Amino acid sequence: MFIPSHITGFFKVTRHENLLKTGSTGAGITLNKGVTTKLINGSGNVYFNDEKIDLCPSNDVIKYLDLKGKLKHDILYNSDFPLGCGMGTSGCCALGSAHELKNAYDLKFTENNELLTELELLKISHKSEVRCNTGLGDVIAQHTKGFVIRKGPGFPINVESIKINNLNDYYVLVDIFGKKETDTIINNSEWVEKINATSDELLGKLLNKPTLENFMELSYYFAKNTGLASDEVLELCSDLKFTVGASQAMLGNALFCICKKEELNDALSILSKPVVCKIYC
C-alpha cells in the first residue's frame, strides 16, 4: 500500500492526556513520493529500504492491533525518503502497516469490540505517532491528501482540503541535508513555546487566503522566526525567491520549494540533490 509523504509548512502543538486529542494545527502538502508497505512471510521483523530496523510506530501499530507475538509476516517499507527528514515518513509507515495488517489478518474489531473501520486504523496510526514522538498530524493529512489545512488537533478530524487550480503546473522540489529528530523539538518546552507563539496567527491568515503562494510565505516566516530553519536553508530560500516559495520542512533538516514548470530548471540548478515531486491529491 502506498502512503504519500507529507510536508508541514507550519504548525502549533496541542498536548492532552488523551493521545487522540494530542496533535497539531497547521498546514502542509502531500507528495506523489512516499512509502509503499507490503508483507511477506516471516516472523514479525521490520525492514526499511531493505535494512532491518526497530521502528516505534510500527511496533505500536502491531500492539494496538493485538498482533504482538502473533505475526507470521515481516513488514517491508520501500521509501523514497529517509526517516527523520521532515517528510512524514514514520506516519507513512504507521498508516501503511495498519492497513496491510488488517487485511492480511482479516481483523474485524478493535480491542474494545468496535468495528475496525478506516477511521479506527487512522486513530491507531495517530496514537502510535504521538506516543512515539515521531509526529503530531502527518497521518491525518496523509489520509486527507493534497493541500491540507489542519484546523483542529487530533480527533475528531477538523481539516480543510484546498483545491489547487492548474495542479499539474506545480512541482515540489525536496533537498535533504540530514536528520532532525522530531522528539528533540516537540518535547522541549522552550521550543514548543516559541513554535506556538510564532504560529498563533498563521492559521487564520492562511484560511483567509488559502493559496500555495500564501502557504509558502507563511511557512518561510514560521521557519525563520522560530529559529528552526538553518542558515543553509535560509540562504537557499533567498536564492529561490523567483519561485512560488521555499522553506524548511517541519520538522526536518530539509528544504522544500514549490515552483511552476517555467521555473523548474532554474530552481534545480540551485539545489544540490533535489528530488522532483508533484502534489498528490
C-alpha atoms as a PDB file:
ATOM      1  CA  MET A   1       0.000   0.000   0.000  1.00  0.00           C
ATOM      2  CA  PHE A   2       1.280   3.457  -0.928  1.00  0.00           C
ATOM      3  CA  ILE A   3       1.065   6.311   1.587  1.00  0.00           C
ATOM      4  CA  PRO A   4       2.154   9.778   0.399  1.00  0.00           C
ATOM      5  CA  SER A   5       4.835  11.768   2.147  1.00  0.00           C
ATOM      6  CA  HIS A   6       3.627  14.894   3.927  1.00  0.00           C
ATOM      7  CA  ILE A   7       5.489  18.165   4.357  1.00  0.00           C
ATOM      8  CA  THR A   8       4.348  20.509   7.115  1.00  0.00           C
ATOM      9  CA  GLY A   9       4.989  24.178   6.463  1.00  0.00           C
ATOM     10  CA  PHE A  10       3.951  25.493   9.874  1.00  0.00           C
ATOM     11  CA  PHE A  11       2.235  24.052  12.936  1.00  0.00           C
ATOM     12  CA  LYS A  12       1.084  24.567  16.503  1.00  0.00           C
ATOM     13  CA  VAL A  13       1.394  21.894  19.196  1.00  0.00           C
ATOM     14  CA  THR A  14      -1.516  20.775  21.390  1.00  0.00           C
ATOM     15  CA  ARG A  15      -0.897  18.295  24.208  1.00  0.00           C
ATOM     16  CA  HIS A  16      -3.616  16.310  26.008  1.00  0.00           C
ATOM     17  CA  GLU A  17      -3.645  13.285  28.291  1.00  0.00           C
ATOM     18  CA  ASN A  18      -5.750  11.587  25.607  1.00  0.00           C
ATOM     19  CA  LEU A  19      -3.451  10.670  22.702  1.00  0.00           C
ATOM     20  CA  LEU A  20      -6.295  11.161  20.225  1.00  0.00           C
ATOM     21  CA  LYS A  21      -6.682  14.779  21.300  1.00  0.00           C
ATOM     22  CA  THR A  22      -2.961  15.445  21.155  1.00  0.00           C
ATOM     23  CA  GLY A  23      -1.855  16.766  17.800  1.00  0.00           C
ATOM     24  CA  SER A  24      -1.168  19.864  15.793  1.00  0.00           C
ATOM     25  CA  THR A  25      -2.905  22.528  13.778  1.00  0.00           C
ATOM     26  CA  GLY A  26      -1.202  23.933  10.724  1.00  0.00           C
ATOM     27  CA  ALA A  27      -0.825  23.254   7.039  1.00  0.00           C
ATOM     28  CA  GLY A  28       1.058  21.068   4.611  1.00  0.00           C
ATOM     29  CA  ILE A  29       1.069  19.202   1.318  1.00  0.00           C
ATOM     30  CA  THR A  30       1.248  15.526   0.381  1.00  0.00           C
ATOM     31  CA  LEU A  31       3.589  14.293  -2.332  1.00  0.00           C
ATOM     32  CA  ASN A  32       3.461  11.670  -5.066  1.00  0.00           C
ATOM     33  CA  LYS A  33       6.525  10.104  -3.444  1.00  0.00           C
ATOM     34  CA  GLY A  34       6.300   8.313  -0.110  1.00  0.00           C
ATOM     35  CA  VAL A  35       6.305   4.803   1.351  1.00  0.00           C
ATOM     36  CA  THR A  36       4.982   1.549  -0.066  1.00  0.00           C
ATOM     37  CA  THR A  37       4.253  -1.112   2.556  1.00  0.00           C
ATOM     38  CA  LYS A  38       3.944  -4.831   1.909  1.00  0.00           C
ATOM     39  CA  LEU A  39       4.007  -8.024   3.951  1.00  0.00           C
ATOM     40  CA  ILE A  40       5.977 -11.175   3.229  1.00  0.00           C
ATOM     41  CA  ASN A  41       6.137 -14.454   5.107  1.00  0.00           C
ATOM     42  CA  GLY A  42       8.304 -14.018   8.185  1.00  0.00           C
ATOM     43  CA  SER A  43       8.342 -13.656  11.950  1.00  0.00           C
ATOM     44  CA  GLY A  44       7.463 -10.017  12.643  1.00  0.00           C
ATOM     45  CA  ASN A  45      10.653  -8.248  11.586  1.00  0.00           C
ATOM     46  CA  VAL A  46      10.500  -4.725  10.139  1.00  0.00           C
ATOM     47  CA  TYR A  47      12.619  -3.625   7.168  1.00  0.00           C
ATOM     48  CA  PHE A  48      13.041  -0.085   5.891  1.00  0.00           C
ATOM     49  CA  ASN A  49      14.614   0.046   2.412  1.00  0.00           C
ATOM     50  CA  ASP A  50      15.991  -3.464   2.999  1.00  0.00           C
ATOM     51  CA  GLU A  51      17.544  -2.599   6.375  1.00  0.00           C
ATOM     52  CA  LYS A  52      16.204  -4.320   9.474  1.00  0.00           C
ATOM     53  CA  ILE A  53      15.112  -1.689  11.992  1.00  0.00           C
ATOM     54  CA  ASP A  54      13.224  -1.293  15.249  1.00  0.00           C
ATOM     55  CA  LEU A  55      10.582   1.316  14.411  1.00  0.00           C
ATOM     56  CA  CYS A  56       8.473   2.519  17.339  1.00  0.00           C
ATOM     57  CA  PRO A  57       5.295   3.476  15.403  1.00  0.00           C
ATOM     58  CA  SER A  58       5.272   0.083  13.670  1.00  0.00           C
ATOM     59  CA  ASN A  59       5.659  -1.711  16.990  1.00  0.00           C
ATOM     60  CA  ASP A  60       2.789   0.308  18.431  1.00  0.00           C
ATOM     61  CA  VAL A  61       0.504  -0.435  15.482  1.00  0.00           C
ATOM     62  CA  ILE A  62       1.197  -4.150  15.982  1.00  0.00           C
ATOM     63  CA  LYS A  63       0.412  -3.805  19.696  1.00  0.00           C
ATOM     64  CA  TYR A  64      -2.790  -1.799  19.147  1.00  0.00           C
ATOM     65  CA  LEU A  65      -3.996  -4.424  16.658  1.00  0.00           C
ATOM     66  CA  ASP A  66      -3.328  -7.119  19.269  1.00  0.00           C
ATOM     67  CA  LEU A  67      -0.834  -8.872  16.987  1.00  0.00           C
ATOM     68  CA  LYS A  68       2.254  -8.688  19.189  1.00  0.00           C
ATOM     69  CA  GLY A  69       3.996 -12.069  19.151  1.00  0.00           C
ATOM     70  CA  LYS A  70       1.472 -13.393  16.621  1.00  0.00           C
ATOM     71  CA  LEU A  71       2.879 -12.159  13.327  1.00  0.00           C
ATOM     72  CA  LYS A  72       3.642 -14.658  10.590  1.00  0.00           C
ATOM     73  CA  HIS A  73       4.834 -11.883   8.298  1.00  0.00           C
ATOM     74  CA  ASP A  74       7.652  -9.376   8.037  1.00  0.00           C
ATOM     75  CA  ILE A  75       6.799  -5.755   7.257  1.00  0.00           C
ATOM     76  CA  LEU A  76       8.689  -4.245   4.323  1.00  0.00           C
ATOM     77  CA  TYR A  77       8.786  -0.478   3.778  1.00  0.00           C
ATOM     78  CA  ASN A  78      10.106   0.849   0.473  1.00  0.00           C
ATOM     79  CA  SER A  79      10.586   4.607   0.881  1.00  0.00           C
ATOM     80  CA  ASP A  80      11.564   7.485  -1.387  1.00  0.00           C
ATOM     81  CA  PHE A  81      12.830   9.431   1.641  1.00  0.00           C
ATOM     82  CA  PRO A  82      14.782   8.526   4.797  1.00  0.00           C
ATOM     83  CA  LEU A  83      13.295   8.636   8.275  1.00  0.00           C
ATOM     84  CA  GLY A  84      13.696  11.803  10.328  1.00  0.00           C
ATOM     85  CA  CYS A  85      13.916  14.312   7.494  1.00  0.00           C
ATOM     86  CA  GLY A  86      10.548  16.099   7.756  1.00  0.00           C
ATOM     87  CA  MET A  87       8.673  14.099   5.128  1.00  0.00           C
ATOM     88  CA  GLY A  88       6.249  12.372   7.495  1.00  0.00           C
ATOM     89  CA  THR A  89       7.893   9.050   6.729  1.00  0.00           C
ATOM     90  CA  SER A  90       7.146   7.420  10.085  1.00  0.00           C
ATOM     91  CA  GLY A  91       3.490   8.345   9.607  1.00  0.00           C
ATOM     92  CA  CYS A  92       3.562   6.640   6.220  1.00  0.00           C
ATOM     93  CA  CYS A  93       4.935   3.519   7.893  1.00  0.00           C
ATOM     94  CA  ALA A  94       2.332   3.526  10.673  1.00  0.00           C
ATOM     95  CA  LEU A  95      -0.625   4.045   8.350  1.00  0.00           C
ATOM     96  CA  GLY A  96       0.610   1.615   5.699  1.00  0.00           C
ATOM     97  CA  SER A  97       1.248  -1.217   8.149  1.00  0.00           C
ATOM     98  CA  ALA A  98      -2.120  -0.656   9.882  1.00  0.00           C
ATOM     99  CA  HIS A  99      -3.950  -1.226   6.607  1.00  0.00           C
ATOM    100  CA  GLU A 100      -1.786  -4.127   5.439  1.00  0.00           C
ATOM    101  CA  LEU A 101      -2.031  -5.976   8.774  1.00  0.00           C
ATOM    102  CA  LYS A 102      -5.782  -5.508   8.985  1.00  0.00           C
ATOM    103  CA  ASN A 103      -6.206  -7.031   5.533  1.00  0.00           C
ATOM    104  CA  ALA A 104      -3.676  -9.849   5.987  1.00  0.00           C
ATOM    105  CA  TYR A 105      -5.140 -10.999   9.308  1.00  0.00           C
ATOM    106  CA  ASP A 106      -8.760 -10.234   8.381  1.00  0.00           C
ATOM    107  CA  LEU A 107      -9.198  -8.109  11.503  1.00  0.00           C
ATOM    108  CA  LYS A 108     -12.788  -7.015  12.081  1.00  0.00           C
ATOM    109  CA  PHE A 109     -12.877  -5.393  15.511  1.00  0.00           C
ATOM    110  CA  THR A 110     -10.781  -3.254  17.826  1.00  0.00           C
ATOM    111  CA  GLU A 111      -9.730  -4.418  21.285  1.00  0.00           C
ATOM    112  CA  ASN A 112     -12.910  -2.688  22.530  1.00  0.00           C
ATOM    113  CA  ASN A 113     -15.045  -4.709  20.090  1.00  0.00           C
ATOM    114  CA  GLU A 114     -15.633  -1.705  17.846  1.00  0.00           C
ATOM    115  CA  LEU A 115     -15.726  -2.224  14.098  1.00  0.00           C
ATOM    116  CA  LEU A 116     -12.205  -1.771  12.713  1.00  0.00           C
ATOM    117  CA  THR A 117     -13.027   0.871  10.123  1.00  0.00           C
ATOM    118  CA  GLU A 118     -10.624   3.059   8.150  1.00  0.00           C
ATOM    119  CA  LEU A 119     -11.199   5.773  10.762  1.00  0.00           C
ATOM    120  CA  GLU A 120     -10.158   3.390  13.548  1.00  0.00           C
ATOM    121  CA  LEU A 121      -6.990   2.480  11.634  1.00  0.00           C
ATOM    122  CA  LEU A 122      -6.257   6.177  11.305  1.00  0.00           C
ATOM    123  CA  LYS A 123      -6.714   6.654  15.057  1.00  0.00           C
ATOM    124  CA  ILE A 124      -4.381   3.738  15.769  1.00  0.00           C
ATOM    125  CA  SER A 125      -1.727   5.222  13.470  1.00  0.00           C
ATOM    126  CA  HIS A 126      -2.092   8.671  15.035  1.00  0.00           C
ATOM    127  CA  LYS A 127      -1.768   7.293  18.577  1.00  0.00           C
ATOM    128  CA  SER A 128       1.337   5.386  17.514  1.00  0.00           C
ATOM    129  CA  GLU A 129       2.993   8.514  16.164  1.00  0.00           C
ATOM    130  CA  VAL A 130       2.061  10.626  19.182  1.00  0.00           C
ATOM    131  CA  ARG A 131       3.232   8.081  21.743  1.00  0.00           C
ATOM    132  CA  CYS A 132       6.498   7.560  19.859  1.00  0.00           C
ATOM    133  CA  ASN A 133       7.038  11.330  19.451  1.00  0.00           C
ATOM    134  CA  THR A 134       7.535  10.961  15.697  1.00  0.00           C
ATOM    135  CA  GLY A 135       4.635  13.124  14.520  1.00  0.00           C
ATOM    136  CA  LEU A 136       1.556  15.071  15.553  1.00  0.00           C
ATOM    137  CA  GLY A 137      -0.582  15.415  12.446  1.00  0.00           C
ATOM    138  CA  ASP A 138       1.031  13.697   9.486  1.00  0.00           C
ATOM    139  CA  VAL A 139      -1.261  10.669   9.242  1.00  0.00           C
ATOM    140  CA  ILE A 140      -4.384  12.856   9.231  1.00  0.00           C
ATOM    141  CA  ALA A 141      -3.003  14.875   6.321  1.00  0.00           C
ATOM    142  CA  GLN A 142      -1.795  11.716   4.556  1.00  0.00           C
ATOM    143  CA  HIS A 143      -5.293  10.303   4.847  1.00  0.00           C
ATOM    144  CA  THR A 144      -6.858  13.544   3.525  1.00  0.00           C
ATOM    145  CA  LYS A 145      -4.263  14.185   0.766  1.00  0.00           C
ATOM    146  CA  GLY A 146      -3.419  17.317  -1.206  1.00  0.00           C
ATOM    147  CA  PHE A 147      -3.065  20.810   0.214  1.00  0.00           C
ATOM    148  CA  VAL A 148      -4.356  20.242   3.735  1.00  0.00           C
ATOM    149  CA  ILE A 149      -5.088  22.782   6.465  1.00  0.00           C
ATOM    150  CA  ARG A 150      -5.465  21.156   9.881  1.00  0.00           C
ATOM    151  CA  LYS A 151      -7.886  23.410  11.774  1.00  0.00           C
ATOM    152  CA  GLY A 152      -8.025  21.255  14.911  1.00  0.00           C
ATOM    153  CA  PRO A 153      -5.553  18.907  16.631  1.00  0.00           C
ATOM    154  CA  GLY A 154      -6.069  15.154  16.590  1.00  0.00           C
ATOM    155  CA  PHE A 155      -9.608  13.802  16.689  1.00  0.00           C
ATOM    156  CA  PRO A 156     -12.333  14.453  15.766  1.00  0.00           C
ATOM    157  CA  ILE A 157     -10.727  15.361  12.449  1.00  0.00           C
ATOM    158  CA  ASN A 158     -11.097  19.012  11.536  1.00  0.00           C
ATOM    159  CA  VAL A 159      -9.342  19.696   8.257  1.00  0.00           C
ATOM    160  CA  GLU A 160      -9.879  21.671   5.098  1.00  0.00           C
ATOM    161  CA  SER A 161      -8.587  20.306   1.814  1.00  0.00           C
ATOM    162  CA  ILE A 162      -7.864  23.194  -0.544  1.00  0.00           C
ATOM    163  CA  LYS A 163      -8.467  22.749  -4.264  1.00  0.00           C
ATOM    164  CA  ILE A 164      -5.470  23.800  -6.341  1.00  0.00           C
ATOM    165  CA  ASN A 165      -6.266  25.259  -9.734  1.00  0.00           C
ATOM    166  CA  ASN A 166      -3.996  24.040 -12.544  1.00  0.00           C
ATOM    167  CA  LEU A 167      -2.452  21.470 -10.201  1.00  0.00           C
ATOM    168  CA  ASN A 168      -0.232  19.966 -12.912  1.00  0.00           C
ATOM    169  CA  ASP A 169       1.559  23.290 -13.342  1.00  0.00           C
ATOM    170  CA  TYR A 170       3.244  22.945  -9.945  1.00  0.00           C
ATOM    171  CA  TYR A 171       6.328  20.979  -8.888  1.00  0.00           C
ATOM    172  CA  VAL A 172       7.671  20.371  -5.386  1.00  0.00           C
ATOM    173  CA  LEU A 173      11.443  20.130  -5.008  1.00  0.00           C
ATOM    174  CA  VAL A 174      12.895  18.495  -1.912  1.00  0.00           C
ATOM    175  CA  ASP A 175      16.545  18.777  -0.886  1.00  0.00           C
ATOM    176  CA  ILE A 176      17.546  16.800   2.218  1.00  0.00           C
ATOM    177  CA  PHE A 177      20.626  17.787   4.219  1.00  0.00           C
ATOM    178  CA  GLY A 178      20.356  15.393   7.162  1.00  0.00           C
ATOM    179  CA  LYS A 179      18.207  14.221  10.034  1.00  0.00           C
ATOM    180  CA  LYS A 180      16.475  16.150  12.782  1.00  0.00           C
ATOM    181  CA  GLU A 181      14.774  14.076  15.458  1.00  0.00           C
ATOM    182  CA  THR A 182      11.202  15.294  15.985  1.00  0.00           C
ATOM    183  CA  ASP A 183      11.145  14.443  19.695  1.00  0.00           C
ATOM    184  CA  THR A 184      14.046  16.800  20.448  1.00  0.00           C
ATOM    185  CA  ILE A 185      11.790  19.680  19.399  1.00  0.00           C
ATOM    186  CA  ILE A 186       8.231  18.744  20.386  1.00  0.00           C
ATOM    187  CA  ASN A 187       9.321  17.540  23.845  1.00  0.00           C
ATOM    188  CA  ASN A 188      11.290  20.700  24.559  1.00  0.00           C
ATOM    189  CA  SER A 189       9.082  23.248  26.339  1.00  0.00           C
ATOM    190  CA  GLU A 190      11.167  26.221  25.151  1.00  0.00           C
ATOM    191  CA  TRP A 191      10.870  25.145  21.527  1.00  0.00           C
ATOM    192  CA  VAL A 192       7.122  24.458  21.858  1.00  0.00           C
ATOM    193  CA  GLU A 193       6.528  27.877  23.415  1.00  0.00           C
ATOM    194  CA  LYS A 194       8.415  29.567  20.571  1.00  0.00           C
ATOM    195  CA  ILE A 195       6.643  27.441  17.933  1.00  0.00           C
ATOM    196  CA  ASN A 196       3.170  28.125  19.307  1.00  0.00           C
ATOM    197  CA  ALA A 197       3.781  31.845  19.771  1.00  0.00           C
ATOM    198  CA  THR A 198       5.057  32.176  16.193  1.00  0.00           C
ATOM    199  CA  SER A 199       2.291  30.098  14.595  1.00  0.00           C
ATOM    200  CA  ASP A 200      -0.563  31.553  16.615  1.00  0.00           C
ATOM    201  CA  GLU A 201      -1.915  33.862  13.895  1.00  0.00           C
ATOM    202  CA  LEU A 202      -0.722  31.952  10.827  1.00  0.00           C
ATOM    203  CA  LEU A 203      -3.653  29.531  10.567  1.00  0.00           C
ATOM    204  CA  GLY A 204      -6.182  32.362  10.358  1.00  0.00           C
ATOM    205  CA  LYS A 205      -4.072  34.179   7.767  1.00  0.00           C
ATOM    206  CA  LEU A 206      -3.952  31.069   5.582  1.00  0.00           C
ATOM    207  CA  LEU A 207      -7.683  30.368   5.928  1.00  0.00           C
ATOM    208  CA  ASN A 208      -8.364  33.952   4.846  1.00  0.00           C
ATOM    209  CA  LYS A 209      -6.192  33.453   1.763  1.00  0.00           C
ATOM    210  CA  PRO A 210      -5.746  29.706   1.094  1.00  0.00           C
ATOM    211  CA  THR A 211      -3.283  29.803  -1.787  1.00  0.00           C
ATOM    212  CA  LEU A 212       0.011  27.980  -2.306  1.00  0.00           C
ATOM    213  CA  GLU A 213       1.792  31.326  -2.521  1.00  0.00           C
ATOM    214  CA  ASN A 214       0.446  32.397   0.884  1.00  0.00           C
ATOM    215  CA  PHE A 215       1.170  28.960   2.349  1.00  0.00           C
ATOM    216  CA  MET A 216       4.809  29.233   1.300  1.00  0.00           C
ATOM    217  CA  GLU A 217       5.127  32.812   2.549  1.00  0.00           C
ATOM    218  CA  LEU A 218       3.721  31.846   5.963  1.00  0.00           C
ATOM    219  CA  SER A 219       5.863  28.704   6.088  1.00  0.00           C
ATOM    220  CA  TYR A 220       9.017  30.722   5.452  1.00  0.00           C
ATOM    221  CA  TYR A 221       8.003  33.249   8.120  1.00  0.00           C
ATOM    222  CA  PHE A 222       7.454  30.383  10.572  1.00  0.00           C
ATOM    223  CA  ALA A 223      10.746  28.637   9.754  1.00  0.00           C
ATOM    224  CA  LYS A 224      12.768  31.844  10.053  1.00  0.00           C
ATOM    225  CA  ASN A 225      11.114  33.360  13.114  1.00  0.00           C
ATOM    226  CA  THR A 226      11.048  30.188  15.215  1.00  0.00           C
ATOM    227  CA  GLY A 227      14.750  29.676  14.609  1.00  0.00           C
ATOM    228  CA  LEU A 228      14.086  26.165  13.299  1.00  0.00           C
ATOM    229  CA  ALA A 229      15.499  26.909   9.859  1.00  0.00           C
ATOM    230  CA  SER A 230      19.231  26.510   9.352  1.00  0.00           C
ATOM    231  CA  ASP A 231      21.350  29.245   7.811  1.00  0.00           C
ATOM    232  CA  GLU A 232      21.920  26.975   4.818  1.00  0.00           C
ATOM    233  CA  VAL A 233      18.190  26.622   4.190  1.00  0.00           C
ATOM    234  CA  LEU A 234      17.518  30.347   4.649  1.00  0.00           C
ATOM    235  CA  GLU A 235      20.258  31.219   2.166  1.00  0.00           C
ATOM    236  CA  LEU A 236      18.828  28.833  -0.408  1.00  0.00           C
ATOM    237  CA  CYS A 237      15.320  30.171   0.173  1.00  0.00           C
ATOM    238  CA  SER A 238      16.639  33.629  -0.662  1.00  0.00           C
ATOM    239  CA  ASP A 239      18.131  32.272  -3.899  1.00  0.00           C
ATOM    240  CA  LEU A 240      14.746  30.699  -4.754  1.00  0.00           C
ATOM    241  CA  LYS A 241      12.662  33.865  -4.375  1.00  0.00           C
ATOM    242  CA  PHE A 242      11.693  33.694  -8.059  1.00  0.00           C
ATOM    243  CA  THR A 243       9.624  30.550  -7.365  1.00  0.00           C
ATOM    244  CA  VAL A 244       6.225  30.184  -5.672  1.00  0.00           C
ATOM    245  CA  GLY A 245       8.201  29.868  -2.450  1.00  0.00           C
ATOM    246  CA  ALA A 246      10.724  27.864  -0.427  1.00  0.00           C
ATOM    247  CA  SER A 247      11.075  26.961   3.229  1.00  0.00           C
ATOM    248  CA  GLN A 248      12.277  24.277   5.622  1.00  0.00           C
ATOM    249  CA  ALA A 249      10.215  21.096   6.022  1.00  0.00           C
ATOM    250  CA  MET A 250       8.887  20.693   9.549  1.00  0.00           C
ATOM    251  CA  LEU A 251      10.389  19.044  11.393  1.00  0.00           C
ATOM    252  CA  GLY A 252      13.443  18.141   9.398  1.00  0.00           C
ATOM    253  CA  ASN A 253      16.757  19.316   8.044  1.00  0.00           C
ATOM    254  CA  ALA A 254      15.362  19.626   4.536  1.00  0.00           C
ATOM    255  CA  LEU A 255      14.300  22.341   2.137  1.00  0.00           C
ATOM    256  CA  PHE A 256      11.138  22.234   0.056  1.00  0.00           C
ATOM    257  CA  CYS A 257      10.294  24.541  -2.798  1.00  0.00           C
ATOM    258  CA  ILE A 258       7.132  24.883  -4.865  1.00  0.00           C
ATOM    259  CA  CYS A 259       7.725  26.119  -8.396  1.00  0.00           C
ATOM    260  CA  LYS A 260       5.994  26.302 -11.739  1.00  0.00           C
ATOM    261  CA  LYS A 261       7.157  24.489 -14.865  1.00  0.00           C
ATOM    262  CA  GLU A 262       8.859  27.547 -16.316  1.00  0.00           C
ATOM    263  CA  GLU A 263      10.837  27.984 -13.060  1.00  0.00           C
ATOM    264  CA  LEU A 264      11.820  24.328 -12.671  1.00  0.00           C
ATOM    265  CA  ASN A 265      15.206  24.207 -14.411  1.00  0.00           C
ATOM    266  CA  ASP A 266      16.492  27.359 -12.720  1.00  0.00           C
ATOM    267  CA  ALA A 267      15.358  26.058  -9.316  1.00  0.00           C
ATOM    268  CA  LEU A 268      17.010  22.680  -9.912  1.00  0.00           C
ATOM    269  CA  SER A 269      20.319  24.350 -10.757  1.00  0.00           C
ATOM    270  CA  ILE A 270      20.439  25.948  -7.286  1.00  0.00           C
ATOM    271  CA  LEU A 271      19.859  22.772  -5.252  1.00  0.00           C
ATOM    272  CA  SER A 272      22.406  20.028  -4.550  1.00  0.00           C
ATOM    273  CA  LYS A 273      20.425  16.770  -4.619  1.00  0.00           C
ATOM    274  CA  PRO A 274      16.847  17.766  -5.434  1.00  0.00           C
ATOM    275  CA  VAL A 275      14.027  15.230  -5.586  1.00  0.00           C
ATOM    276  CA  VAL A 276      11.321  16.343  -8.011  1.00  0.00           C
ATOM    277  CA  CYS A 277       7.780  15.660  -6.807  1.00  0.00           C
ATOM    278  CA  LYS A 278       4.198  16.589  -7.564  1.00  0.00           C
ATOM    279  CA  ILE A 279       1.428  17.418  -5.115  1.00  0.00           C
ATOM    280  CA  TYR A 280      -0.553  14.222  -4.527  1.00  0.00           C
ATOM    281  CA  CYS A 281      -4.323  14.520  -4.226  1.00  0.00           C
END
